[in-house]
Protein backbone atom coordinates (compact mmCIF):
# COMPACT_ATOMS: atom_id res chain seq x y z
CA MET A 1 33.57 8.18 -18.56
CA GLU A 2 33.16 5.97 -21.71
CA ASN A 3 30.84 7.16 -24.49
CA GLN A 4 28.03 4.81 -24.52
CA SER A 5 26.90 5.44 -28.21
CA ASN A 6 30.07 3.10 -29.40
CA GLN A 7 28.72 0.14 -27.39
CA TYR A 8 28.94 -3.07 -29.02
CA TYR A 9 25.59 -5.10 -28.88
CA PRO A 10 25.54 -8.94 -29.33
CA GLY A 11 23.93 -10.14 -32.39
CA GLN A 12 24.85 -7.30 -34.54
CA SER A 13 27.86 -9.05 -36.29
CA GLY A 14 30.38 -6.60 -35.25
CA SER A 15 28.51 -3.27 -36.37
CA PHE A 16 28.09 -0.60 -33.72
CA ASN A 17 24.84 0.93 -33.07
CA ASN A 18 24.04 4.43 -31.76
CA THR A 19 20.83 3.53 -29.99
CA PRO A 20 21.18 2.43 -26.42
CA VAL A 21 19.68 -0.50 -24.97
CA PRO A 22 16.44 0.47 -23.03
CA GLN A 23 16.85 -0.54 -19.39
CA ASN A 24 14.47 -0.99 -16.55
CA LEU A 25 13.44 1.62 -14.33
CA PRO A 26 15.28 1.78 -11.29
CA ASN A 27 12.75 1.49 -8.84
CA ALA A 28 10.07 -0.50 -10.73
CA ASN A 29 10.33 -3.65 -8.75
CA LEU A 30 10.39 -2.06 -5.46
CA ILE A 31 7.21 0.12 -6.26
CA LEU A 32 5.26 -3.16 -7.27
CA VAL A 33 6.54 -4.71 -3.98
CA LEU A 34 5.46 -1.89 -1.83
CA GLY A 35 1.91 -1.86 -3.37
CA ILE A 36 1.46 -5.24 -3.12
CA LEU A 37 2.68 -4.91 0.43
CA SER A 38 0.36 -1.98 1.26
CA ILE A 39 -2.36 -4.36 0.31
CA LEU A 40 -1.22 -7.39 2.49
CA PHE A 41 -1.05 -4.80 5.66
CA CYS A 42 -4.16 -3.05 5.21
CA TRP A 43 -6.35 -5.48 6.92
CA TRP A 44 -4.87 -5.77 10.38
CA HIS A 45 -5.99 -2.85 13.11
CA PHE A 46 -3.20 -1.03 13.72
CA VAL A 47 -0.84 -2.73 11.37
CA SER A 48 -2.90 -0.71 8.70
CA ILE A 49 -0.28 2.24 9.78
CA ALA A 50 2.26 0.41 8.00
CA GLY A 51 -0.10 -0.22 4.97
CA ILE A 52 -0.72 3.73 4.64
CA ALA A 53 2.96 4.43 4.90
CA LEU A 54 4.00 1.85 2.28
CA GLY A 55 1.23 2.91 0.25
CA LEU A 56 2.53 6.62 0.40
CA LEU A 57 6.11 5.61 -0.36
CA ALA A 58 5.16 3.48 -3.18
CA LEU A 59 3.02 6.54 -4.80
CA VAL A 60 5.85 9.28 -4.14
CA LEU A 61 8.35 6.52 -6.03
CA ALA A 62 5.78 5.78 -8.92
CA HIS A 63 5.27 9.37 -9.44
CA ARG A 64 8.94 10.01 -10.05
CA GLU A 65 9.61 6.87 -11.90
CA THR A 66 6.52 8.14 -14.40
CA ASN A 67 8.12 11.59 -14.63
CA ARG A 68 11.63 9.78 -15.53
CA TYR A 69 9.96 7.40 -18.11
CA GLN A 70 8.05 10.24 -19.84
CA ALA A 71 11.33 12.50 -19.90
CA TYR A 72 13.31 9.71 -21.45
CA PRO A 73 10.62 7.10 -23.14
CA ASP A 74 13.45 5.59 -25.36
CA THR A 75 15.76 5.08 -22.50
CA TYR A 76 13.37 2.60 -20.28
CA THR A 77 11.18 -0.54 -21.17
CA ILE A 78 7.62 -0.49 -21.37
CA SER A 79 7.50 -3.59 -19.09
CA SER A 80 9.21 -1.51 -16.08
CA LEU A 81 6.74 1.24 -16.70
CA ASN A 82 3.83 -1.43 -16.58
CA ASN A 83 5.37 -2.57 -13.17
CA VAL A 84 5.21 0.97 -12.06
CA ARG A 85 1.58 1.64 -13.03
CA THR A 86 0.46 -1.68 -11.52
CA GLY A 87 2.34 -0.94 -8.17
CA ARG A 88 0.88 2.40 -8.18
CA THR A 89 -2.75 0.75 -8.69
CA CYS A 90 -1.83 -1.51 -5.80
CA ALA A 91 -0.65 1.09 -3.45
CA LEU A 92 -3.70 3.10 -4.21
CA ILE A 93 -5.90 0.16 -3.24
CA GLY A 94 -4.14 -0.57 -0.21
CA LEU A 95 -3.84 3.09 0.96
CA THR A 96 -7.57 3.49 0.56
CA ILE A 97 -8.41 0.30 2.56
CA SER A 98 -5.62 0.95 5.16
CA ILE A 99 -7.25 4.69 5.66
CA ILE A 100 -10.85 2.90 5.88
CA VAL A 101 -9.62 0.25 8.61
CA PHE A 102 -7.55 2.77 10.67
CA ALA A 103 -10.27 5.34 10.74
CA PHE A 104 -12.71 2.30 11.61
CA VAL A 105 -10.38 1.13 14.59
CA MET A 106 -9.82 4.67 15.80
CA LEU A 107 -13.70 5.11 15.86
CA LEU A 108 -14.23 1.87 17.59
CA ILE A 109 -11.50 2.75 20.43
CA PHE A 110 -13.07 6.05 20.84
CA GLY A 111 -16.37 4.60 21.44
CA VAL A 112 -15.37 2.37 23.81
CA ILE A 113 -13.62 4.80 25.80
CA VAL A 114 -16.26 7.30 25.51
CA THR A 115 -18.67 4.64 26.81
CA LEU A 116 -16.23 3.50 29.69
CA PRO A 117 -17.89 5.73 32.72
CA PHE A 118 -21.41 4.00 31.75
CA TRP A 119 -20.39 0.37 32.03
CA GLY A 120 -21.03 0.65 35.51
CA MET A 121 -24.66 1.00 35.26
CA ILE A 122 -25.22 -2.24 33.41
CA GLN A 123 -26.34 -4.87 36.07
CA SER A 124 -27.25 -8.43 35.23
CA PRO A 125 -30.55 -9.78 36.09
C-alpha cells in the first residue's frame, strides 16, 4: 500500500504536504436521499411501510457515519457531515409521519372489520 502522507497536491508548487485532503463521508449522499424518500413515501397508505423502512435505514447509516466523523474529524469534510445531519432530520420526519399514517390506516381497517357484522342492520327508508 502506498504511503498517503507523501502525496503531491496540485497548487502547492511541487512541495509535499503531510496533511490528507478531507474527503466526503462514504454514505452521506445516500443518507440524504433515503431521508428525502422516507418523507415522500410516508403519505400513501400501505406504502408508508416503505417510509418506515427507509427512515430506519437512514437513521442507522447516519448514526454510523456520525461516529465515523467524530472518530476522524480531519479526514472528512463538514459539508458531508451536514448532508448526514440533513438526511437524519428528514428521516426522523418521514419516520414519524409514516408511523402515524400507518397506525391510522390500521385503525381504520380494524374499525371497518369490527363493524362488518352490523352493516346488515342498516336499512334504507
